[in-house]
Protein backbone atom coordinates (compact mmCIF):
# COMPACT_ATOMS: atom_id res chain seq x y z
CA MET A 1 -2.49 15.58 16.32
CA SER A 2 -1.91 14.36 12.76
CA ARG A 3 0.22 11.49 14.35
CA PHE A 4 -2.64 10.43 16.59
CA PHE A 5 -4.99 10.22 13.49
CA ARG A 6 -2.47 8.02 11.74
CA LYS A 7 -2.39 5.28 14.38
CA THR A 8 -3.70 1.94 13.29
CA ASN A 9 -6.24 1.71 16.16
CA VAL A 10 -7.78 5.13 15.61
CA LEU A 11 -8.10 4.61 11.82
CA LEU A 12 -9.70 1.29 12.56
CA PHE A 13 -12.00 2.99 15.15
CA LEU A 14 -13.08 5.74 12.80
CA THR A 15 -13.57 3.36 9.91
CA LEU A 16 -15.62 0.89 11.84
CA GLU A 17 -17.68 3.59 13.61
CA GLY A 18 -18.20 5.43 10.30
CA ALA A 19 -19.62 2.26 8.71
CA PHE A 20 -21.87 1.59 11.69
CA LEU A 21 -23.25 5.25 11.50
CA VAL A 22 -23.85 5.10 7.73
CA ILE A 23 -25.81 1.67 8.23
CA LEU A 24 -27.63 3.09 11.19
CA CYS A 25 -28.61 6.23 9.03
CA VAL A 26 -29.71 3.96 6.16
CA ILE A 27 -31.89 1.79 8.45
CA ALA A 28 -33.42 4.98 10.01
CA PHE A 29 -34.29 6.53 6.74
CA VAL A 30 -35.76 2.94 5.66
CA TYR A 31 -37.71 2.75 8.96
CA ASN A 32 -39.09 6.29 8.67
CA PHE A 33 -40.05 5.78 4.95
CA ASN A 34 -41.84 2.42 5.92
CA TRP A 35 -43.59 4.08 8.78
CA GLU A 36 -44.98 6.72 6.69
CA THR A 37 -46.22 4.13 4.15
CA MET A 38 -47.63 1.99 6.71
CA PHE A 39 -49.74 4.92 8.21
CA GLU A 40 -50.96 6.07 4.98
CA ARG A 41 -51.99 2.60 4.02
CA TYR A 42 -53.73 2.34 7.47
CA GLN A 43 -55.43 5.66 6.82
CA ARG A 44 -56.81 4.65 3.33
CA GLU A 45 -58.04 1.44 4.82
CA GLN A 46 -59.86 3.22 7.72
CA LEU A 47 -61.37 5.53 4.74
CA THR A 48 -62.69 2.56 3.07
CA VAL A 49 -64.41 1.13 6.21
CA ASN A 50 -65.84 4.70 7.33
CA ALA A 51 -67.16 5.01 3.76
CA TYR A 52 -68.91 1.66 3.78
CA LYS A 53 -70.50 2.52 7.22
CA MET A 54 -71.73 5.69 5.71
CA MET A 55 -73.38 4.03 3.01
CA ASP A 56 -75.17 1.53 5.14
CA ASP A 57 -76.53 4.47 7.50
CA MET A 58 -77.62 6.27 4.29
CA ARG A 59 -79.63 3.10 3.02
CA ASN A 60 -81.02 2.49 6.57
CA GLU A 61 -82.34 6.43 6.52
CA GLN A 62 -83.31 6.07 2.78
CA LEU A 63 -81.02 8.85 2.04
CA THR A 64 -79.83 7.24 -1.38
CA SER A 65 -81.17 9.79 -3.72
CA GLY A 66 -81.42 13.45 -3.68
CA PRO A 67 -82.11 16.35 -3.39
CA PHE A 68 -82.00 16.50 0.37
CA THR A 69 -83.95 18.61 2.80
CA GLU A 70 -82.03 20.87 5.41
CA ASP A 71 -82.57 18.28 8.19
CA GLN A 72 -81.01 15.61 5.80
CA THR A 73 -78.25 17.69 5.08
CA MET A 74 -77.43 18.17 8.77
CA TRP A 75 -77.87 14.49 9.32
CA LEU A 76 -75.26 13.64 6.62
CA SER A 77 -72.85 16.28 8.07
CA ARG A 78 -73.09 14.95 11.71
CA ARG A 79 -72.60 11.30 10.36
CA ALA A 80 -69.58 12.06 8.22
CA THR A 81 -68.00 14.08 10.99
CA LEU A 82 -68.60 11.21 13.42
CA TYR A 83 -66.75 8.91 11.01
CA GLY A 84 -63.84 11.50 10.53
CA ILE A 85 -64.38 11.85 6.84
CA LEU A 86 -65.53 14.24 4.15
CA ILE A 87 -68.17 13.26 1.52
CA ARG A 88 -69.57 14.15 -1.38
CA TYR A 89 -72.77 12.66 -3.00
CA SER A 90 -74.13 12.99 -6.41
CA GLU A 91 -76.16 11.07 -8.85
CA LYS A 92 -73.18 10.49 -11.14
CA LYS A 93 -69.42 11.40 -11.40
CA GLY A 94 -69.31 15.03 -12.74
CA GLY A 95 -72.88 15.69 -12.11
CA PRO A 96 -74.29 18.42 -9.79
CA PRO A 97 -73.69 17.14 -6.10
CA TRP A 98 -76.75 16.47 -3.90
CA PHE A 99 -74.53 16.90 -0.72
CA ASP A 100 -70.94 18.48 -0.80
CA MET A 101 -68.46 18.77 2.06
CA PHE A 102 -65.50 19.23 -0.22
CA VAL A 103 -66.45 22.87 -0.72
CA ARG A 104 -65.04 23.43 3.02
CA VAL A 105 -61.49 22.64 1.83
CA PRO A 106 -59.71 25.46 0.10
CA ASP A 107 -56.95 23.14 -1.63
CA GLN A 108 -58.55 19.91 -2.56
CA LYS A 109 -55.07 18.55 -3.87
CA GLN A 110 -54.38 18.04 -0.39
CA MET A 111 -57.15 15.47 -0.14
CA VAL A 112 -57.17 11.77 -0.33
CA VAL A 113 -60.36 10.78 -2.05
CA GLN A 114 -62.02 7.38 -3.01
CA GLU A 115 -65.26 6.72 -4.91
CA PHE A 116 -67.91 4.21 -4.04
CA ALA A 117 -70.97 3.25 -5.87
CA VAL A 118 -74.07 3.53 -3.65
CA VAL A 119 -76.48 0.53 -4.34
CA ALA A 120 -80.19 0.66 -3.16
CA LYS A 121 -82.80 -2.07 -4.00
CA GLY A 122 -80.28 -3.66 -6.58
CA GLU A 123 -79.66 -0.55 -8.52
CA THR A 124 -76.99 2.22 -8.44
CA ALA A 125 -78.60 4.97 -6.73
CA GLY A 126 -75.59 7.49 -6.52
CA LEU A 127 -71.95 7.95 -6.41
CA LEU A 128 -70.26 8.69 -2.86
CA GLU A 129 -66.88 10.28 -2.76
CA ALA A 130 -65.13 9.97 0.80
CA GLY A 131 -61.93 11.70 1.39
CA TYR A 132 -59.66 13.08 4.27
CA LEU A 133 -57.15 15.71 4.48
CA ARG A 134 -53.39 14.57 4.85
CA SER A 135 -52.87 17.63 7.38
CA LEU A 136 -55.79 16.48 9.46
CA SER A 137 -53.76 13.37 10.75
CA GLU A 138 -51.45 15.90 12.36
CA LEU A 139 -54.04 17.50 14.20
CA ASP A 140 -55.66 14.25 15.55
CA PRO A 141 -54.72 13.85 19.25
CA ASN A 142 -54.56 10.10 19.05
CA VAL A 143 -52.59 10.12 15.89
CA VAL A 144 -50.14 12.68 17.35
CA ALA A 145 -49.77 10.95 20.52
CA TYR A 146 -48.85 7.74 18.66
CA ARG A 147 -46.41 9.40 16.51
CA ARG A 148 -44.74 11.15 19.44
CA THR A 149 -44.50 7.64 21.20
CA MET A 150 -43.00 5.99 18.04
CA ARG A 151 -40.51 8.59 17.49
CA SER A 152 -39.20 8.66 21.07
CA ARG A 153 -38.87 4.79 21.13
CA SER A 154 -37.03 5.06 17.73
CA GLU A 155 -34.62 7.65 18.99
CA TRP A 156 -33.85 5.56 22.17
CA LEU A 157 -33.44 2.52 20.15
CA PHE A 158 -31.09 4.28 17.55
CA GLY A 159 -29.23 5.96 20.62
CA ILE A 160 -28.53 2.39 22.01
CA VAL A 161 -27.48 1.03 18.87
CA ALA A 162 -25.03 4.06 18.22
CA ALA A 163 -23.72 3.60 21.74
CA VAL A 164 -23.13 -0.03 21.17
CA SER A 165 -21.57 0.58 17.83
CA VAL A 166 -18.99 2.92 19.54
CA PHE A 167 -18.02 0.49 22.21
CA PHE A 168 -17.95 -2.60 19.68
CA SER A 169 -15.78 -0.26 17.24
CA TYR A 170 -13.31 0.60 20.12
CA PHE A 171 -12.85 -3.03 21.15
CA ALA A 172 -12.69 -4.27 17.64
CA ALA A 173 -9.94 -1.63 16.67
CA LYS A 174 -8.10 -2.48 19.85
CA LEU A 175 -8.11 -6.11 19.22
CA LEU A 176 -7.12 -5.80 15.81
CA SER A 177 -4.32 -3.43 16.33
CA ARG A 178 -3.06 -5.20 19.15
CA HIS A 179 -1.24 -7.79 16.84
CA LEU A 180 0.12 -5.10 14.98
CA LEU A 181 1.62 -3.37 17.96
CA LYS A 182 3.23 -6.66 18.98
CA LEU A 183 4.90 -6.88 15.56
CA GLN A 184 5.96 -3.35 15.92
CA GLU A 185 7.52 -4.09 19.32
CA THR A 186 9.31 -7.12 17.75
CA ALA A 187 10.57 -4.91 15.04
CA VAL A 188 12.00 -2.15 17.27
CA LYS A 189 13.81 -5.09 19.18
CA ILE A 190 15.38 -6.42 16.12
CA ARG A 191 16.21 -2.99 15.12
CA PHE A 192 18.26 -2.35 18.14
CA GLY A 193 20.08 -5.70 17.74
CA ASN A 194 18.17 -8.43 19.59
CA ARG A 195 18.10 -11.25 16.78
CA SER A 196 16.66 -13.86 19.13
CA VAL A 197 13.01 -12.28 19.54
CA PHE A 198 10.23 -13.55 17.32
CA ALA A 199 6.77 -12.07 16.77
CA PRO A 200 3.85 -14.27 17.90
CA VAL A 201 1.97 -15.70 14.63
CA LYS A 202 -1.57 -14.59 15.78
CA GLY A 203 -4.55 -12.44 14.43
CA PRO A 204 -5.78 -12.04 10.95
CA GLU A 205 -4.04 -14.13 8.13
CA GLU A 206 -2.33 -10.89 6.79
CA VAL A 207 -0.95 -10.26 10.15
CA ARG A 208 0.19 -13.80 10.47
CA GLN A 209 2.08 -13.59 7.28
CA LEU A 210 3.49 -10.42 8.37
CA ALA A 211 4.70 -12.05 11.42
CA LEU A 212 6.22 -14.91 9.64
CA THR A 213 8.01 -12.57 7.09
CA LEU A 214 9.38 -10.70 10.12
CA ASN A 215 10.48 -13.98 11.81
CA ASP A 216 12.22 -14.97 8.56
CA LEU A 217 13.96 -11.46 8.44
CA SER A 218 15.11 -11.93 12.01
CA ARG A 219 16.57 -15.40 11.21
CA GLU A 220 18.11 -14.01 8.08
CA LEU A 221 19.70 -11.05 9.99
CA LYS A 222 21.04 -13.44 12.62
CA ARG A 223 22.44 -15.41 9.84
CA GLN A 224 24.07 -12.38 8.16
CA GLU A 225 25.34 -11.14 11.52
CA ASP A 226 27.08 -14.61 12.21
CA TRP A 227 28.50 -14.60 8.63
CA ARG A 228 29.86 -10.98 9.08
CA HIS A 229 31.69 -12.13 12.37
CA GLN A 230 33.10 -15.18 10.56
CA LEU A 231 34.10 -12.99 7.69
CA MET A 232 36.10 -10.67 10.01
CA GLU A 233 37.63 -13.67 11.67
CA ASP A 234 38.59 -15.16 8.37
CA LEU A 235 39.91 -11.94 6.94
CA THR A 236 41.88 -11.28 10.06
CA HIS A 237 43.30 -14.87 9.87
CA GLU A 238 44.17 -14.49 6.20
CA LEU A 239 46.21 -11.23 7.02
CA ARG A 240 47.58 -12.52 10.31
CA THR A 241 48.95 -16.00 9.24
CA PRO A 242 51.50 -14.50 6.49
CA LEU A 243 52.36 -11.42 8.73
CA THR A 244 53.08 -13.56 11.89
CA SER A 245 55.21 -15.95 9.62
CA ILE A 246 57.07 -12.87 8.13
CA LEU A 247 57.75 -11.16 11.28
CA SER A 248 58.74 -14.24 13.15
CA GLN A 249 61.30 -15.12 10.50
CA LEU A 250 62.69 -11.38 10.22
CA GLU A 251 62.82 -11.27 14.10
CA ALA A 252 64.84 -14.73 14.01
CA MET A 253 67.28 -13.27 11.44
CA ILE A 254 67.65 -9.85 13.25
CA ASP A 255 68.34 -11.68 16.56
CA GLY A 256 70.77 -14.15 14.66
CA ILE A 257 68.86 -17.29 15.07
CA TYR A 258 68.50 -17.74 11.33
CA GLU A 259 70.95 -16.84 8.78
CA MET A 260 69.96 -14.54 5.97
CA ASN A 261 70.03 -16.93 3.32
CA GLN A 262 68.28 -17.81 -0.02
CA GLU A 263 65.91 -20.23 1.57
CA TYR A 264 64.59 -17.94 4.35
CA LEU A 265 64.20 -15.06 1.93
CA GLU A 266 62.26 -17.27 -0.37
CA GLN A 267 59.86 -18.18 2.42
CA ILE A 268 59.26 -14.53 3.43
CA TYR A 269 58.87 -13.80 -0.34
CA GLU A 270 55.95 -16.62 -0.72
CA GLU A 271 54.20 -15.04 2.47
CA LEU A 272 54.20 -11.59 0.77
CA ILE A 273 53.01 -13.11 -2.54
CA ARG A 274 50.11 -14.59 -0.28
CA LEU A 275 49.33 -11.06 1.05
CA SER A 276 49.56 -9.61 -2.43
CA ARG A 277 47.18 -12.09 -3.70
CA LEU A 278 44.48 -11.47 -1.06
CA MET A 279 44.79 -7.57 -1.64
CA ASN A 280 44.56 -8.23 -5.48
CA ASP A 281 41.39 -10.33 -4.84
CA MET A 282 40.00 -7.80 -2.72
CA GLU A 283 40.61 -5.19 -5.21
CA ARG A 284 39.31 -7.16 -8.07
CA LEU A 285 36.12 -7.65 -6.09
CA SER A 286 35.74 -3.97 -5.48
CA GLU A 287 36.24 -3.42 -9.21
CA ALA A 288 33.79 -5.89 -10.03
CA GLU A 289 31.22 -4.44 -7.92
CA ALA A 290 31.92 -1.17 -9.77
CA ALA A 291 32.02 -2.84 -13.09
CA ARG A 292 28.35 -1.83 -14.06
CA PHE A 293 29.86 1.47 -14.96
CA THR A 294 33.22 0.43 -16.44
CA ILE A 295 32.57 -2.56 -18.59
CA ASN A 296 32.78 -2.39 -22.32
CA PRO A 297 30.28 -4.61 -23.94
CA ARG A 298 30.81 -5.89 -27.46
CA ARG A 299 29.07 -8.42 -29.65
CA SER A 300 30.85 -11.77 -29.30
CA ASN A 301 30.58 -15.31 -29.88
CA ILE A 302 30.06 -16.85 -26.45
CA VAL A 303 30.87 -20.33 -27.67
CA ARG A 304 34.41 -19.30 -28.59
CA LEU A 305 34.99 -17.28 -25.35
CA VAL A 306 33.90 -20.51 -23.14
CA GLU A 307 35.91 -22.73 -25.45
CA ARG A 308 39.08 -20.72 -24.76
CA VAL A 309 38.47 -20.93 -20.96
CA PHE A 310 38.19 -24.86 -21.61
CA ARG A 311 41.39 -25.07 -23.31
CA ASN A 312 43.12 -23.14 -20.83
CA PHE A 313 42.05 -25.33 -17.84
CA GLN A 314 42.68 -28.84 -19.57
CA SER A 315 46.02 -29.02 -18.46
CA MET A 316 45.07 -28.19 -14.67
CA ALA A 317 42.21 -30.72 -14.79
CA LYS A 318 44.31 -33.29 -16.26
CA GLY A 319 47.23 -33.00 -13.73
CA LYS A 320 44.48 -33.44 -10.94
CA GLY A 321 43.00 -36.54 -12.63
CA VAL A 322 39.71 -34.70 -13.43
CA LYS A 323 37.96 -35.27 -16.81
CA LEU A 324 36.95 -31.89 -18.40
CA GLU A 325 34.39 -31.87 -21.27
CA PHE A 326 33.12 -29.30 -23.50
CA TYR A 327 29.55 -29.13 -24.80
CA ASN A 328 29.32 -27.28 -27.99
CA PRO A 329 25.79 -26.40 -29.12
CA ASN A 330 27.15 -26.14 -32.77
CA VAL A 331 25.65 -22.98 -33.50
CA PRO A 332 27.12 -19.62 -32.82
CA CYS A 333 25.66 -17.88 -29.67
CA TYR A 334 26.08 -14.12 -29.66
CA ALA A 335 25.72 -11.71 -26.87
CA GLU A 336 26.92 -8.17 -25.97
CA VAL A 337 29.44 -8.70 -23.17
CA ASP A 338 32.91 -7.51 -22.14
CA ARG A 339 35.06 -10.28 -23.43
CA ASP A 340 37.87 -10.15 -20.84
CA LYS A 341 35.47 -9.90 -17.81
CA PHE A 342 33.20 -12.64 -19.04
CA VAL A 343 36.02 -14.97 -19.60
CA GLN A 344 37.13 -14.09 -15.85
CA VAL A 345 33.58 -15.14 -14.73
CA VAL A 346 33.83 -18.39 -16.65
CA ALA A 347 37.38 -19.00 -15.40
CA ASN A 348 36.45 -18.46 -11.57
CA ILE A 349 33.48 -20.95 -11.89
CA VAL A 350 35.82 -23.62 -13.82
CA SER A 351 38.57 -23.11 -11.46
CA ASN A 352 36.30 -23.83 -8.38
CA ALA A 353 34.91 -26.73 -10.08
CA VAL A 354 38.48 -28.16 -10.64
CA LYS A 355 39.56 -27.50 -7.00
CA TYR A 356 36.56 -29.10 -5.32
CA THR A 357 36.20 -32.25 -7.74
CA HIS A 358 38.19 -35.34 -6.68
CA GLU A 359 40.51 -37.42 -8.82
CA GLY A 360 38.44 -39.41 -11.17
CA GLY A 361 35.65 -37.00 -11.40
CA ARG A 362 33.97 -35.38 -14.15
CA ILE A 363 33.24 -31.72 -15.27
CA VAL A 364 31.12 -30.50 -18.19
CA LEU A 365 31.51 -26.91 -19.48
CA GLY A 366 29.04 -25.80 -22.02
CA VAL A 367 27.03 -23.16 -23.85
CA ASN A 368 23.12 -23.25 -24.34
CA TYR A 369 20.81 -20.58 -25.66
CA SER A 370 17.32 -19.35 -25.73
CA GLU A 371 15.50 -16.72 -27.58
CA ASP A 372 16.48 -13.72 -25.41
CA ALA A 373 19.57 -14.91 -23.45
CA THR A 374 22.75 -17.14 -23.75
CA ILE A 375 23.43 -19.66 -20.90
CA VAL A 376 26.77 -20.90 -19.86
CA PHE A 377 26.79 -23.85 -17.45
CA CYS A 378 29.34 -25.92 -15.63
CA SER A 379 28.52 -28.94 -14.01
CA ASP A 380 30.97 -31.25 -11.69
CA THR A 381 30.71 -34.19 -9.66
CA GLY A 382 32.64 -32.72 -6.80
CA ILE A 383 32.00 -32.36 -3.10
CA GLY A 384 28.92 -30.32 -3.67
CA ILE A 385 27.46 -27.73 -1.34
CA GLY A 386 25.01 -28.38 1.60
CA PRO A 387 21.50 -26.65 1.79
CA GLU A 388 22.64 -24.49 4.83
CA ASP A 389 25.65 -23.02 2.61
CA LEU A 390 23.96 -22.83 -0.74
CA PRO A 391 22.47 -19.39 -0.11
CA TYR A 392 25.75 -17.87 0.86
CA VAL A 393 28.19 -19.17 -1.74
CA PHE A 394 28.38 -15.64 -3.29
CA ASN A 395 29.24 -13.78 -0.13
CA ARG A 396 32.75 -12.39 0.18
CA LEU A 397 35.37 -14.84 1.89
CA TYR A 398 32.64 -17.62 2.17
CA ARG A 399 33.73 -20.93 1.69
CA ALA A 400 31.34 -23.96 2.07
CA ASP A 401 34.30 -26.49 2.72
CA LYS A 402 35.49 -24.82 6.02
CA SER A 403 38.11 -27.72 6.37
CA ARG A 404 40.04 -27.07 3.27
CA SER A 405 43.50 -25.36 3.33
CA ARG A 406 43.59 -21.86 2.46
CA PHE A 407 46.60 -22.51 0.13
CA SER A 408 44.50 -24.93 -1.89
CA GLY A 409 41.12 -23.77 -1.40
CA GLY A 410 41.51 -20.05 -1.88
CA VAL A 411 39.83 -17.09 0.41
CA GLY A 412 36.47 -17.48 -1.13
CA LEU A 413 36.34 -14.30 -3.51
CA GLY A 414 36.11 -15.99 -6.85
CA LEU A 415 32.19 -16.48 -6.87
CA SER A 416 31.77 -12.96 -5.34
CA ILE A 417 33.65 -11.40 -8.17
CA ALA A 418 31.85 -13.68 -10.89
CA LYS A 419 28.46 -12.73 -9.43
CA ALA A 420 29.21 -8.94 -9.52
CA LEU A 421 30.59 -9.23 -13.00
CA VAL A 422 27.44 -11.25 -14.27
CA GLU A 423 25.19 -8.59 -12.73
CA ALA A 424 27.12 -5.88 -14.15
CA HIS A 425 26.13 -7.41 -17.68
CA ASP A 426 22.40 -7.24 -16.42
CA GLY A 427 22.66 -11.05 -15.96
CA ARG A 428 22.26 -13.52 -13.20
CA ILE A 429 24.01 -16.61 -11.81
CA GLU A 430 22.28 -19.60 -10.41
CA VAL A 431 23.63 -22.56 -8.48
CA GLU A 432 22.07 -26.02 -8.04
CA SER A 433 24.08 -28.48 -5.51
CA GLU A 434 23.71 -31.61 -3.50
CA LEU A 435 26.30 -32.46 -0.91
CA GLY A 436 28.60 -35.27 -2.10
CA GLN A 437 26.84 -35.39 -5.45
CA GLY A 438 28.20 -32.24 -7.25
CA SER A 439 27.07 -28.75 -8.54
CA VAL A 440 25.81 -27.02 -11.37
CA PHE A 441 26.33 -23.34 -11.91
CA ARG A 442 24.65 -21.39 -14.69
CA VAL A 443 25.45 -18.03 -16.07
CA ILE A 444 22.51 -16.30 -17.99
CA ILE A 445 23.55 -13.39 -19.84
CA PRO A 446 20.97 -11.26 -22.03
CA ASN A 447 21.76 -11.26 -25.73
CA ARG A 448 21.40 -7.45 -25.92
CA TYR A 449 23.12 -5.24 -23.33
CA LYS A 450 20.52 -2.66 -22.05
CA LYS A 451 21.53 1.09 -21.99
CA ASP A 452 20.27 3.79 -19.66
CA GLU A 453 18.08 6.69 -20.95
CA ARG A 454 21.27 8.75 -21.79
CA GLY A 455 22.21 5.99 -24.35
CA GLU A 456 25.20 5.01 -22.38
CA ALA A 457 25.84 1.75 -21.08
CA SER A 458 24.42 1.17 -17.71
């Protein structure tokens, strides 16, 4: 039962219907209040009209001054009853009344009374007080019938409005939740592996944005799935190539096709070195991803660390015909880093820059700073990275240049290791690149290494 009431269409229906009922109750209250006000105003106006009629009759019968005889008293009583009012007539307010029907009412607080000056021959002859009992309106058959008719019509009207609100709430809730149900169906299909399905972009703006986000997620999952397949193929190839070479050469030696000499043994050794290098890279990546718990940060001069990497790669760049320059900010830039692992990060980036920059190209390695962070950048004029590859350059075994030899281009773990180590320092690594124009990598490291609540390095 609780699951039923958690459904979107049920919640929408109850919300809309509740809002309609609240509005309907407010309208009914205002309507009844307005009706009572209008009826009371009508009664007061009728009291005024009947009081003026009574005064005209009194002037015509010359009954504007008392005291009155018994016949005159009876005439006044019949006339007031005919007009449906109670009167009291006296010479002045507060004076002894000449004629008084108010004494018939036990509780005069229940009366509505108005005062009128009776003028005869240009002079004020007396004061007429006219009134009626509020409770008498409930006894008047005409008033009672009129009120019953109005109440019946109001009940029918409010009943029809309530029924219409139920149907409107139902269809509105169904219409609004229909788009969410479509999104749910799409999400379930994506969950079970259908990456080609997309949600229709329809409905309210928020639902449209959710559909667009879900579609983007589906496309991203498709790209990640394709990348995982490619990763497995690359990893399998990386392992199969040296193993196949080793097995074929050993089989040839065993079968006597090859002689077991120094040359063939060196070839087998080189293939084993390739396998060992791949395993070492994978191990380094695993260690880097766990480095958040093992790094040993110390306050270090980042300029000196980066300059050390610059000197180490000068000969490599020179041998390839690439100009390697160092930008020194000429101020010491200190940050809390694990020196060996930070040097490894910069070395991986510079190594990639040298590998993918053609002869005659230029690489600039430098350090910059801000108030809270130190920035190490490496810009090159190499082959660059296309926009379709840029989001994945930090993935394992991902190489933007698919055509490069694995002997010269590596297996695509350097940037993955660099990213893991930078994040272990609570920093981030960014890349900007244009295909055929070059790339710019930035490593942004906080000047102070954050610690967890126990005071240990996180």
